[in-house]
Amino acid sequence: MAKEFFNKYHIPYIDVDVTKDDRLVEEMVQKSHQMGVPVIDIDGEIFVGFDRSGIAAKLGIK
């Protein structure tokens, strides 16, 4: 859902598959303090899971 949202609004993103590298898992946990995915980092603000309204507000999308 997050990818569809970003594509719909032409928001560039980097898709990181944490299952491929243990270092990426560690980075995700350090940022989010959780193991849940997706972890979305927008200018240092962390969203765990797809919080459509929070992400839209952060990006200025109505």
PDB file of N, CA and C in Angstrom:
ATOM      1  N   MET A   1       0.823  -1.199   0.000  1.00  0.00           N
ATOM      2  CA  MET A   1       0.000   0.000   0.000  1.00  0.00           C
ATOM      3  C   MET A   1       0.866   1.261   0.000  1.00  0.00           C
ATOM      4  N   ALA A   2       1.971   1.221   0.738  1.00  0.00           N
ATOM      5  CA  ALA A   2       2.845   2.389   0.792  1.00  0.00           C
ATOM      6  C   ALA A   2       3.413   2.699  -0.589  1.00  0.00           C
ATOM      7  N   LYS A   3       3.888   1.667  -1.283  1.00  0.00           N
ATOM      8  CA  LYS A   3       4.445   1.874  -2.617  1.00  0.00           C
ATOM      9  C   LYS A   3       3.398   2.443  -3.567  1.00  0.00           C
ATOM     10  N   GLU A   4       2.189   1.910  -3.507  1.00  0.00           N
ATOM     11  CA  GLU A   4       1.108   2.419  -4.365  1.00  0.00           C
ATOM     12  C   GLU A   4       0.841   3.891  -4.066  1.00  0.00           C
ATOM     13  N   PHE A   5       0.812   4.242  -2.790  1.00  0.00           N
ATOM     14  CA  PHE A   5       0.577   5.631  -2.372  1.00  0.00           C
ATOM     15  C   PHE A   5       1.675   6.542  -2.923  1.00  0.00           C
ATOM     16  N   PHE A   6       2.936   6.156  -2.704  1.00  0.00           N
ATOM     17  CA  PHE A   6       4.040   6.988  -3.180  1.00  0.00           C
ATOM     18  C   PHE A   6       4.024   7.113  -4.698  1.00  0.00           C
ATOM     19  N   ASN A   7       3.747   6.028  -5.397  1.00  0.00           N
ATOM     20  CA  ASN A   7       3.675   6.084  -6.857  1.00  0.00           C
ATOM     21  C   ASN A   7       2.532   6.970  -7.319  1.00  0.00           C
ATOM     22  N   LYS A   8       1.387   6.856  -6.681  1.00  0.00           N
ATOM     23  CA  LYS A   8       0.214   7.660  -7.056  1.00  0.00           C
ATOM     24  C   LYS A   8       0.529   9.154  -6.993  1.00  0.00           C
ATOM     25  N   TYR A   9       1.261   9.563  -5.964  1.00  0.00           N
ATOM     26  CA  TYR A   9       1.568  10.976  -5.764  1.00  0.00           C
ATOM     27  C   TYR A   9       2.965  11.356  -6.263  1.00  0.00           C
ATOM     28  N   HIS A  10       3.593  10.442  -7.009  1.00  0.00           N
ATOM     29  CA  HIS A  10       4.904  10.698  -7.613  1.00  0.00           C
ATOM     30  C   HIS A  10       5.942  11.100  -6.562  1.00  0.00           C
ATOM     31  N   ILE A  11       5.915  10.392  -5.428  1.00  0.00           N
ATOM     32  CA  ILE A  11       6.863  10.616  -4.350  1.00  0.00           C
ATOM     33  C   ILE A  11       8.016   9.624  -4.533  1.00  0.00           C
ATOM     34  N   PRO A  12       9.226  10.119  -4.740  1.00  0.00           N
ATOM     35  CA  PRO A  12      10.345   9.186  -4.887  1.00  0.00           C
ATOM     36  C   PRO A  12      10.638   8.488  -3.555  1.00  0.00           C
ATOM     37  N   TYR A  13      11.038   7.234  -3.633  1.00  0.00           N
ATOM     38  CA  TYR A  13      11.363   6.472  -2.426  1.00  0.00           C
ATOM     39  C   TYR A  13      12.422   5.433  -2.752  1.00  0.00           C
ATOM     40  N   ILE A  14      13.047   4.963  -1.703  1.00  0.00           N
ATOM     41  CA  ILE A  14      14.020   3.881  -1.839  1.00  0.00           C
ATOM     42  C   ILE A  14      13.425   2.664  -1.160  1.00  0.00           C
ATOM     43  N   ASP A  15      13.276   1.590  -1.892  1.00  0.00           N
ATOM     44  CA  ASP A  15      12.721   0.344  -1.375  1.00  0.00           C
ATOM     45  C   ASP A  15      13.868  -0.533  -0.895  1.00  0.00           C
ATOM     46  N   VAL A  16      13.915  -0.797   0.404  1.00  0.00           N
ATOM     47  CA  VAL A  16      14.988  -1.588   1.002  1.00  0.00           C
ATOM     48  C   VAL A  16      14.398  -2.891   1.520  1.00  0.00           C
ATOM     49  N   ASP A  17      14.915  -4.006   1.047  1.00  0.00           N
ATOM     50  CA  ASP A  17      14.464  -5.323   1.486  1.00  0.00           C
ATOM     51  C   ASP A  17      15.353  -5.778   2.637  1.00  0.00           C
ATOM     52  N   VAL A  18      14.846  -5.648   3.863  1.00  0.00           N
ATOM     53  CA  VAL A  18      15.653  -5.977   5.043  1.00  0.00           C
ATOM     54  C   VAL A  18      15.881  -7.473   5.196  1.00  0.00           C
ATOM     55  N   THR A  19      15.160  -8.297   4.444  1.00  0.00           N
ATOM     56  CA  THR A  19      15.373  -9.741   4.546  1.00  0.00           C
ATOM     57  C   THR A  19      16.676 -10.167   3.880  1.00  0.00           C
ATOM     58  N   LYS A  20      17.295  -9.267   3.152  1.00  0.00           N
ATOM     59  CA  LYS A  20      18.513  -9.602   2.405  1.00  0.00           C
ATOM     60  C   LYS A  20      19.800  -9.332   3.173  1.00  0.00           C
ATOM     61  N   ASP A  21      19.722  -8.568   4.278  1.00  0.00           N
ATOM     62  CA  ASP A  21      20.955  -8.143   4.945  1.00  0.00           C
ATOM     63  C   ASP A  21      20.673  -7.860   6.418  1.00  0.00           C
ATOM     64  N   ASP A  22      21.367  -8.560   7.296  1.00  0.00           N
ATOM     65  CA  ASP A  22      21.164  -8.382   8.734  1.00  0.00           C
ATOM     66  C   ASP A  22      21.482  -6.961   9.197  1.00  0.00           C
ATOM     67  N   ARG A  23      22.432  -6.304   8.537  1.00  0.00           N
ATOM     68  CA  ARG A  23      22.751  -4.917   8.905  1.00  0.00           C
ATOM     69  C   ARG A  23      21.555  -3.997   8.658  1.00  0.00           C
ATOM     70  N   LEU A  24      20.796  -4.284   7.610  1.00  0.00           N
ATOM     71  CA  LEU A  24      19.609  -3.474   7.328  1.00  0.00           C
ATOM     72  C   LEU A  24      18.533  -3.692   8.385  1.00  0.00           C
ATOM     73  N   VAL A  25      18.420  -4.914   8.878  1.00  0.00           N
ATOM     74  CA  VAL A  25      17.472  -5.198   9.955  1.00  0.00           C
ATOM     75  C   VAL A  25      17.869  -4.396  11.196  1.00  0.00           C
ATOM     76  N   GLU A  26      19.149  -4.400  11.534  1.00  0.00           N
ATOM     77  CA  GLU A  26      19.629  -3.648  12.692  1.00  0.00           C
ATOM     78  C   GLU A  26      19.332  -2.162  12.542  1.00  0.00           C
ATOM     79  N   GLU A  27      19.558  -1.617  11.363  1.00  0.00           N
ATOM     80  CA  GLU A  27      19.282  -0.200  11.110  1.00  0.00           C
ATOM     81  C   GLU A  27      17.792   0.095  11.284  1.00  0.00           C
ATOM     82  N   MET A  28      16.944  -0.790  10.753  1.00  0.00           N
ATOM     83  CA  MET A  28      15.497  -0.611  10.863  1.00  0.00           C
ATOM     84  C   MET A  28      15.074  -0.604  12.326  1.00  0.00           C
ATOM     85  N   VAL A  29      15.582  -1.546  13.099  1.00  0.00           N
ATOM     86  CA  VAL A  29      15.215  -1.640  14.521  1.00  0.00           C
ATOM     87  C   VAL A  29      15.729  -0.424  15.285  1.00  0.00           C
ATOM     88  N   GLN A  30      16.918   0.048  14.953  1.00  0.00           N
ATOM     89  CA  GLN A  30      17.439   1.237  15.629  1.00  0.00           C
ATOM     90  C   GLN A  30      16.569   2.457  15.350  1.00  0.00           C
ATOM     91  N   LYS A  31      16.081   2.576  14.126  1.00  0.00           N
ATOM     92  CA  LYS A  31      15.240   3.721  13.767  1.00  0.00           C
ATOM     93  C   LYS A  31      13.847   3.617  14.373  1.00  0.00           C
ATOM     94  N   SER A  32      13.267   2.414  14.325  1.00  0.00           N
ATOM     95  CA  SER A  32      11.854   2.263  14.691  1.00  0.00           C
ATOM     96  C   SER A  32      11.631   1.636  16.057  1.00  0.00           C
ATOM     97  N   HIS A  33      12.659   0.976  16.595  1.00  0.00           N
ATOM     98  CA  HIS A  33      12.536   0.235  17.859  1.00  0.00           C
ATOM     99  C   HIS A  33      11.532  -0.905  17.752  1.00  0.00           C
ATOM    100  N   GLN A  34      11.307  -1.374  16.526  1.00  0.00           N
ATOM    101  CA  GLN A  34      10.362  -2.462  16.284  1.00  0.00           C
ATOM    102  C   GLN A  34      10.855  -3.322  15.124  1.00  0.00           C
ATOM    103  N   MET A  35      10.239  -4.486  14.990  1.00  0.00           N
ATOM    104  CA  MET A  35      10.562  -5.381  13.869  1.00  0.00           C
ATOM    105  C   MET A  35       9.527  -5.305  12.758  1.00  0.00           C
ATOM    106  N   GLY A  36       8.487  -4.501  12.942  1.00  0.00           N
ATOM    107  CA  GLY A  36       7.424  -4.411  11.948  1.00  0.00           C
ATOM    108  C   GLY A  36       7.868  -3.681  10.695  1.00  0.00           C
ATOM    109  N   VAL A  37       7.265  -4.047   9.590  1.00  0.00           N
ATOM    110  CA  VAL A  37       7.517  -3.370   8.317  1.00  0.00           C
ATOM    111  C   VAL A  37       6.180  -2.950   7.714  1.00  0.00           C
ATOM    112  N   PRO A  38       6.119  -1.953   6.914  1.00  0.00           N
ATOM    113  CA  PRO A  38       7.242  -1.140   6.502  1.00  0.00           C
ATOM    114  C   PRO A  38       7.639  -0.130   7.584  1.00  0.00           C
ATOM    115  N   VAL A  39       8.900   0.284   7.519  1.00  0.00           N
ATOM    116  CA  VAL A  39       9.383   1.419   8.297  1.00  0.00           C
ATOM    117  C   VAL A  39       9.655   2.507   7.280  1.00  0.00           C
ATOM    118  N   ILE A  40       8.980   3.625   7.446  1.00  0.00           N
ATOM    119  CA  ILE A  40       9.089   4.717   6.484  1.00  0.00           C
ATOM    120  C   ILE A  40       9.721   5.900   7.200  1.00  0.00           C
ATOM    121  N   ASP A  41      10.847   6.360   6.663  1.00  0.00           N
ATOM    122  CA  ASP A  41      11.596   7.479   7.232  1.00  0.00           C
ATOM    123  C   ASP A  41      11.435   8.671   6.299  1.00  0.00           C
ATOM    124  N   ILE A  42      10.739   9.690   6.771  1.00  0.00           N
ATOM    125  CA  ILE A  42      10.549  10.901   5.979  1.00  0.00           C
ATOM    126  C   ILE A  42      11.217  12.036   6.740  1.00  0.00           C
ATOM    127  N   ASP A  43      12.358  12.458   6.244  1.00  0.00           N
ATOM    128  CA  ASP A  43      13.131  13.532   6.874  1.00  0.00           C
ATOM    129  C   ASP A  43      13.353  13.286   8.362  1.00  0.00           C
ATOM    130  N   GLY A  44      13.645  12.036   8.714  1.00  0.00           N
ATOM    131  CA  GLY A  44      13.936  11.700  10.104  1.00  0.00           C
ATOM    132  C   GLY A  44      12.734  11.355  10.950  1.00  0.00           C
ATOM    133  N   GLU A  45      11.533  11.567  10.437  1.00  0.00           N
ATOM    134  CA  GLU A  45      10.321  11.152  11.157  1.00  0.00           C
ATOM    135  C   GLU A  45       9.993   9.726  10.730  1.00  0.00           C
ATOM    136  N   ILE A  46       9.853   8.837  11.714  1.00  0.00           N
ATOM    137  CA  ILE A  46       9.678   7.413  11.450  1.00  0.00           C
ATOM    138  C   ILE A  46       8.206   7.028  11.555  1.00  0.00           C
ATOM    139  N   PHE A  47       7.739   6.311  10.546  1.00  0.00           N
ATOM    140  CA  PHE A  47       6.393   5.751  10.527  1.00  0.00           C
ATOM    141  C   PHE A  47       6.543   4.236  10.445  1.00  0.00           C
ATOM    142  N   VAL A  48       5.948   3.540  11.396  1.00  0.00           N
ATOM    143  CA  VAL A  48       5.977   2.076  11.370  1.00  0.00           C
ATOM    144  C   VAL A  48       4.621   1.622  10.875  1.00  0.00           C
ATOM    145  N   GLY A  49       4.620   0.846   9.798  1.00  0.00           N
ATOM    146  CA  GLY A  49       3.370   0.488   9.156  1.00  0.00           C
ATOM    147  C   GLY A  49       2.975   1.599   8.211  1.00  0.00           C
ATOM    148  N   PHE A  50       1.911   1.389   7.488  1.00  0.00           N
ATOM    149  CA  PHE A  50       1.467   2.394   6.523  1.00  0.00           C
ATOM    150  C   PHE A  50       0.410   3.276   7.169  1.00  0.00           C
ATOM    151  N   ASP A  51       0.845   4.405   7.701  1.00  0.00           N
ATOM    152  CA  ASP A  51      -0.028   5.405   8.330  1.00  0.00           C
ATOM    153  C   ASP A  51      -0.370   6.449   7.272  1.00  0.00           C
ATOM    154  N   ARG A  52      -1.380   6.145   6.463  1.00  0.00           N
ATOM    155  CA  ARG A  52      -1.732   7.005   5.332  1.00  0.00           C
ATOM    156  C   ARG A  52      -1.923   8.453   5.741  1.00  0.00           C
ATOM    157  N   SER A  53      -2.692   8.704   6.787  1.00  0.00           N
ATOM    158  CA  SER A  53      -2.974  10.086   7.166  1.00  0.00           C
ATOM    159  C   SER A  53      -1.729  10.796   7.704  1.00  0.00           C
ATOM    160  N   GLY A  54      -0.930  10.105   8.493  1.00  0.00           N
ATOM    161  CA  GLY A  54       0.292  10.709   9.027  1.00  0.00           C
ATOM    162  C   GLY A  54       1.303  11.006   7.937  1.00  0.00           C
ATOM    163  N   ILE A  55       1.460  10.076   7.022  1.00  0.00           N
ATOM    164  CA  ILE A  55       2.402  10.266   5.917  1.00  0.00           C
ATOM    165  C   ILE A  55       1.917  11.385   5.001  1.00  0.00           C
ATOM    166  N   ALA A  56       0.639  11.393   4.696  1.00  0.00           N
ATOM    167  CA  ALA A  56       0.084  12.439   3.835  1.00  0.00           C
ATOM    168  C   ALA A  56       0.278  13.805   4.484  1.00  0.00           C
ATOM    169  N   ALA A  57       0.040  13.905   5.782  1.00  0.00           N
ATOM    170  CA  ALA A  57       0.220  15.181   6.477  1.00  0.00           C
ATOM    171  C   ALA A  57       1.682  15.620   6.421  1.00  0.00           C
ATOM    172  N   LYS A  58       2.593  14.698   6.663  1.00  0.00           N
ATOM    173  CA  LYS A  58       4.025  15.014   6.634  1.00  0.00           C
ATOM    174  C   LYS A  58       4.447  15.490   5.251  1.00  0.00           C
ATOM    175  N   LEU A  59       3.863  14.918   4.198  1.00  0.00           N
ATOM    176  CA  LEU A  59       4.226  15.270   2.826  1.00  0.00           C
ATOM    177  C   LEU A  59       3.394  16.422   2.262  1.00  0.00           C
ATOM    178  N   GLY A  60       2.422  16.910   3.028  1.00  0.00           N
ATOM    179  CA  GLY A  60       1.581  18.004   2.556  1.00  0.00           C
ATOM    180  C   GLY A  60       0.563  17.586   1.512  1.00  0.00           C
ATOM    181  N   ILE A  61       0.133  16.317   1.577  1.00  0.00           N
ATOM    182  CA  ILE A  61      -0.862  15.793   0.634  1.00  0.00           C
ATOM    183  C   ILE A  61      -2.217  15.791   1.321  1.00  0.00           C
ATOM    184  N   LYS A  62      -3.215  16.291   0.641  1.00  0.00           N
ATOM    185  CA  LYS A  62      -4.563  16.330   1.248  1.00  0.00           C
ATOM    186  C   LYS A  62      -5.411  15.196   0.782  1.00  0.00           C
TER     187      LYS A  62
END
